[in-house]
Amino acid sequence: MSLDRSDVEKIAHLARLAISEEDIPGYTHNLSNILDLVAQMDAVDTSGVEPMAHPLDATQRLRADEVSETNQREAFQKIAPATEASLYLVPQVIE
């Protein structure tokens, strides 16, 4: 896809970018090259390719889900400004 001067000016306007007149030909060339690359990638048949979450097919190392801290609920409930039925009470913010 080839862009022209008016396309680059319109893109710059929509992106609220100030581009000097002498830079417009360079932007036109670079943006056209980017769009051509996207068109080439879009033309590749990927129907047999399985999607991956990571390009290196890496997996996250997981640790055991074990309790590592003591229960301090009672201590925190005692210093809270207001509690009821083991819940923290907060001021109403939505009417």
N, C-alpha and C. Protein backbone atom coordinates (compact mmCIF):
# COMPACT_ATOMS: atom_id res chain seq x y z
N MET A 1 0.86 -1.18 0.00
CA MET A 1 0.00 0.00 0.00
C MET A 1 0.90 1.23 0.00
N SER A 2 0.61 2.12 -0.87
CA SER A 2 1.42 3.32 -0.99
C SER A 2 0.63 4.52 -0.47
N LEU A 3 1.26 5.25 0.42
CA LEU A 3 0.64 6.46 0.95
C LEU A 3 1.13 7.66 0.17
N ASP A 4 0.33 8.69 0.13
CA ASP A 4 0.79 9.93 -0.49
C ASP A 4 0.85 11.03 0.58
N ARG A 5 1.23 12.19 0.14
CA ARG A 5 1.45 13.32 1.04
C ARG A 5 0.19 13.64 1.86
N SER A 6 -0.97 13.63 1.23
CA SER A 6 -2.20 13.98 1.94
C SER A 6 -2.54 12.95 3.01
N ASP A 7 -2.22 11.67 2.74
CA ASP A 7 -2.46 10.63 3.76
C ASP A 7 -1.61 10.87 5.00
N VAL A 8 -0.34 11.20 4.79
CA VAL A 8 0.56 11.45 5.93
C VAL A 8 0.11 12.69 6.69
N GLU A 9 -0.31 13.71 5.98
CA GLU A 9 -0.79 14.93 6.65
C GLU A 9 -2.05 14.63 7.48
N LYS A 10 -2.93 13.80 6.94
CA LYS A 10 -4.15 13.45 7.66
C LYS A 10 -3.82 12.62 8.91
N ILE A 11 -2.90 11.64 8.76
CA ILE A 11 -2.48 10.82 9.91
C ILE A 11 -1.85 11.70 10.98
N ALA A 12 -1.00 12.62 10.57
CA ALA A 12 -0.35 13.53 11.52
C ALA A 12 -1.39 14.40 12.23
N HIS A 13 -2.38 14.85 11.49
CA HIS A 13 -3.44 15.65 12.11
C HIS A 13 -4.23 14.83 13.13
N LEU A 14 -4.60 13.60 12.77
CA LEU A 14 -5.37 12.76 13.68
C LEU A 14 -4.57 12.40 14.92
N ALA A 15 -3.25 12.23 14.76
CA ALA A 15 -2.38 11.90 15.89
C ALA A 15 -1.91 13.14 16.63
N ARG A 16 -2.33 14.30 16.17
CA ARG A 16 -1.95 15.58 16.77
C ARG A 16 -0.43 15.75 16.80
N LEU A 17 0.20 15.40 15.65
CA LEU A 17 1.65 15.52 15.52
C LEU A 17 1.97 16.67 14.59
N ALA A 18 2.97 17.46 14.94
CA ALA A 18 3.43 18.53 14.06
C ALA A 18 4.61 18.00 13.26
N ILE A 19 4.44 17.90 11.95
CA ILE A 19 5.48 17.41 11.07
C ILE A 19 5.88 18.53 10.12
N SER A 20 7.17 18.79 10.03
CA SER A 20 7.62 19.85 9.12
C SER A 20 7.48 19.38 7.66
N GLU A 21 7.38 20.33 6.77
CA GLU A 21 7.16 20.05 5.35
C GLU A 21 8.28 19.19 4.76
N GLU A 22 9.51 19.43 5.17
CA GLU A 22 10.63 18.68 4.59
C GLU A 22 10.69 17.24 5.11
N ASP A 23 10.01 16.92 6.22
CA ASP A 23 10.00 15.56 6.76
C ASP A 23 8.89 14.68 6.17
N ILE A 24 7.92 15.27 5.52
CA ILE A 24 6.77 14.51 5.02
C ILE A 24 7.18 13.43 4.01
N PRO A 25 8.07 13.69 3.05
CA PRO A 25 8.46 12.60 2.12
C PRO A 25 9.09 11.40 2.85
N GLY A 26 9.89 11.65 3.86
CA GLY A 26 10.48 10.54 4.63
C GLY A 26 9.43 9.74 5.37
N TYR A 27 8.49 10.43 5.99
CA TYR A 27 7.40 9.73 6.67
C TYR A 27 6.54 8.95 5.68
N THR A 28 6.31 9.52 4.51
CA THR A 28 5.52 8.84 3.49
C THR A 28 6.20 7.53 3.08
N HIS A 29 7.49 7.58 2.85
CA HIS A 29 8.24 6.39 2.46
C HIS A 29 8.24 5.35 3.59
N ASN A 30 8.55 5.77 4.81
CA ASN A 30 8.63 4.83 5.94
C ASN A 30 7.28 4.20 6.26
N LEU A 31 6.23 4.99 6.28
CA LEU A 31 4.91 4.44 6.58
C LEU A 31 4.44 3.49 5.47
N SER A 32 4.75 3.80 4.22
CA SER A 32 4.40 2.90 3.12
C SER A 32 5.13 1.57 3.26
N ASN A 33 6.42 1.63 3.65
CA ASN A 33 7.18 0.39 3.86
C ASN A 33 6.58 -0.45 4.99
N ILE A 34 6.16 0.21 6.05
CA ILE A 34 5.55 -0.51 7.19
C ILE A 34 4.26 -1.18 6.75
N LEU A 35 3.43 -0.47 6.01
CA LEU A 35 2.16 -1.05 5.56
C LEU A 35 2.39 -2.18 4.56
N ASP A 36 3.43 -2.08 3.74
CA ASP A 36 3.77 -3.17 2.82
C ASP A 36 4.20 -4.41 3.60
N LEU A 37 4.98 -4.23 4.67
CA LEU A 37 5.40 -5.35 5.50
C LEU A 37 4.19 -6.02 6.17
N VAL A 38 3.26 -5.22 6.65
CA VAL A 38 2.05 -5.76 7.27
C VAL A 38 1.25 -6.55 6.24
N ALA A 39 1.18 -6.06 5.02
CA ALA A 39 0.45 -6.77 3.96
C ALA A 39 1.14 -8.10 3.64
N GLN A 40 2.47 -8.12 3.64
CA GLN A 40 3.20 -9.37 3.39
C GLN A 40 2.94 -10.37 4.51
N MET A 41 2.94 -9.91 5.75
CA MET A 41 2.68 -10.83 6.88
C MET A 41 1.24 -11.32 6.86
N ASP A 42 0.33 -10.47 6.42
CA ASP A 42 -1.08 -10.86 6.35
C ASP A 42 -1.31 -11.93 5.28
N ALA A 43 -0.46 -11.94 4.25
CA ALA A 43 -0.62 -12.89 3.16
C ALA A 43 -0.12 -14.29 3.51
N VAL A 44 0.63 -14.44 4.60
CA VAL A 44 1.18 -15.73 4.98
C VAL A 44 0.07 -16.64 5.51
N ASP A 45 0.06 -17.89 5.07
CA ASP A 45 -0.94 -18.86 5.53
C ASP A 45 -0.54 -19.37 6.91
N THR A 46 -1.31 -19.03 7.92
CA THR A 46 -1.03 -19.45 9.29
C THR A 46 -2.10 -20.41 9.82
N SER A 47 -2.82 -21.05 8.93
CA SER A 47 -3.92 -21.91 9.35
C SER A 47 -3.43 -23.12 10.15
N GLY A 48 -2.22 -23.60 9.89
CA GLY A 48 -1.72 -24.77 10.60
C GLY A 48 -0.80 -24.43 11.77
N VAL A 49 -0.71 -23.17 12.12
CA VAL A 49 0.19 -22.74 13.19
C VAL A 49 -0.58 -22.59 14.48
N GLU A 50 -0.09 -23.23 15.52
CA GLU A 50 -0.75 -23.17 16.82
C GLU A 50 -0.33 -21.88 17.54
N PRO A 51 -1.28 -21.10 18.05
CA PRO A 51 -0.94 -19.87 18.77
C PRO A 51 -0.11 -20.18 20.01
N MET A 52 0.81 -19.28 20.32
CA MET A 52 1.67 -19.44 21.48
C MET A 52 1.53 -18.23 22.39
N ALA A 53 1.69 -18.44 23.68
CA ALA A 53 1.65 -17.33 24.63
C ALA A 53 2.99 -16.62 24.70
N HIS A 54 4.05 -17.29 24.28
CA HIS A 54 5.39 -16.72 24.35
C HIS A 54 6.17 -17.20 23.13
N PRO A 55 6.95 -16.35 22.48
CA PRO A 55 7.64 -16.77 21.27
C PRO A 55 8.69 -17.86 21.49
N LEU A 56 9.18 -17.99 22.70
CA LEU A 56 10.18 -19.01 22.99
C LEU A 56 9.58 -20.26 23.61
N ASP A 57 8.25 -20.33 23.63
CA ASP A 57 7.54 -21.46 24.22
C ASP A 57 7.99 -21.73 25.66
N ALA A 58 8.22 -20.64 26.39
CA ALA A 58 8.66 -20.75 27.78
C ALA A 58 7.47 -20.96 28.70
N THR A 59 7.71 -21.58 29.81
CA THR A 59 6.66 -21.76 30.82
C THR A 59 7.09 -21.08 32.11
N GLN A 60 6.12 -20.65 32.86
CA GLN A 60 6.37 -19.98 34.13
C GLN A 60 6.69 -21.00 35.20
N ARG A 61 7.77 -20.77 35.92
CA ARG A 61 8.09 -21.64 37.05
C ARG A 61 7.15 -21.30 38.20
N LEU A 62 6.47 -22.28 38.71
CA LEU A 62 5.51 -22.05 39.78
C LEU A 62 6.04 -22.62 41.09
N ARG A 63 5.71 -21.95 42.16
CA ARG A 63 6.08 -22.44 43.48
C ARG A 63 4.86 -23.10 44.10
N ALA A 64 5.10 -23.88 45.13
CA ALA A 64 3.99 -24.55 45.82
C ALA A 64 3.11 -23.51 46.49
N ASP A 65 1.82 -23.72 46.46
CA ASP A 65 0.86 -22.80 47.07
C ASP A 65 0.71 -23.17 48.54
N GLU A 66 1.62 -22.63 49.35
CA GLU A 66 1.64 -22.94 50.78
C GLU A 66 1.54 -21.66 51.58
N VAL A 67 0.92 -21.73 52.74
CA VAL A 67 0.82 -20.59 53.64
C VAL A 67 2.21 -20.34 54.23
N SER A 68 2.68 -19.09 54.11
CA SER A 68 4.01 -18.77 54.62
C SER A 68 3.99 -17.71 55.71
N GLU A 69 2.81 -17.17 56.03
CA GLU A 69 2.70 -16.16 57.06
C GLU A 69 1.66 -16.59 58.08
N THR A 70 1.81 -16.06 59.28
CA THR A 70 0.85 -16.39 60.33
C THR A 70 -0.41 -15.54 60.16
N ASN A 71 -1.52 -16.04 60.66
CA ASN A 71 -2.79 -15.33 60.59
C ASN A 71 -2.79 -14.18 61.60
N GLN A 72 -2.89 -12.95 61.11
CA GLN A 72 -2.90 -11.76 61.97
C GLN A 72 -4.23 -11.03 61.89
N ARG A 73 -5.27 -11.73 61.52
CA ARG A 73 -6.58 -11.11 61.33
C ARG A 73 -7.08 -10.41 62.59
N GLU A 74 -6.99 -11.05 63.72
CA GLU A 74 -7.48 -10.45 64.97
C GLU A 74 -6.72 -9.16 65.29
N ALA A 75 -5.42 -9.15 65.09
CA ALA A 75 -4.63 -7.95 65.38
C ALA A 75 -5.05 -6.81 64.45
N PHE A 76 -5.27 -7.10 63.19
CA PHE A 76 -5.68 -6.06 62.25
C PHE A 76 -7.11 -5.60 62.52
N GLN A 77 -7.98 -6.50 62.94
CA GLN A 77 -9.35 -6.13 63.26
C GLN A 77 -9.38 -5.20 64.48
N LYS A 78 -8.50 -5.40 65.44
CA LYS A 78 -8.48 -4.57 66.64
C LYS A 78 -8.08 -3.13 66.34
N ILE A 79 -7.20 -2.92 65.39
CA ILE A 79 -6.73 -1.57 65.10
C ILE A 79 -7.54 -0.87 64.01
N ALA A 80 -8.50 -1.57 63.43
CA ALA A 80 -9.35 -0.97 62.39
C ALA A 80 -10.32 0.01 63.02
N PRO A 81 -10.65 1.10 62.33
CA PRO A 81 -11.58 2.08 62.88
C PRO A 81 -12.97 1.51 63.13
N ALA A 82 -13.47 0.63 62.25
CA ALA A 82 -14.81 0.07 62.43
C ALA A 82 -14.88 -1.30 61.77
N THR A 83 -15.41 -2.28 62.53
CA THR A 83 -15.60 -3.63 62.00
C THR A 83 -16.96 -4.14 62.45
N GLU A 84 -17.47 -5.11 61.70
CA GLU A 84 -18.73 -5.75 62.05
C GLU A 84 -18.74 -7.15 61.42
N ALA A 85 -18.98 -8.15 62.23
CA ALA A 85 -19.01 -9.54 61.77
C ALA A 85 -17.73 -9.91 61.02
N SER A 86 -16.59 -9.48 61.57
CA SER A 86 -15.25 -9.73 61.00
C SER A 86 -15.03 -9.06 59.65
N LEU A 87 -15.80 -8.03 59.33
CA LEU A 87 -15.63 -7.28 58.09
C LEU A 87 -15.25 -5.84 58.42
N TYR A 88 -14.47 -5.22 57.56
CA TYR A 88 -14.10 -3.82 57.74
C TYR A 88 -15.22 -2.94 57.23
N LEU A 89 -15.62 -1.95 58.01
CA LEU A 89 -16.66 -1.01 57.60
C LEU A 89 -15.99 0.25 57.08
N VAL A 90 -16.48 0.73 55.95
CA VAL A 90 -15.93 1.94 55.34
C VAL A 90 -17.08 2.90 55.06
N PRO A 91 -16.79 4.19 54.92
CA PRO A 91 -17.85 5.14 54.60
C PRO A 91 -18.45 4.87 53.23
N GLN A 92 -19.73 5.12 53.08
CA GLN A 92 -20.41 4.94 51.81
C GLN A 92 -19.92 6.00 50.82
N VAL A 93 -19.54 5.57 49.61
CA VAL A 93 -19.04 6.50 48.62
C VAL A 93 -19.97 6.61 47.41
N ILE A 94 -20.88 5.66 47.25
CA ILE A 94 -21.83 5.69 46.14
C ILE A 94 -23.23 5.77 46.72
N GLU A 95 -24.01 6.72 46.20
CA GLU A 95 -25.37 6.87 46.72
C GLU A 95 -26.32 5.96 46.00
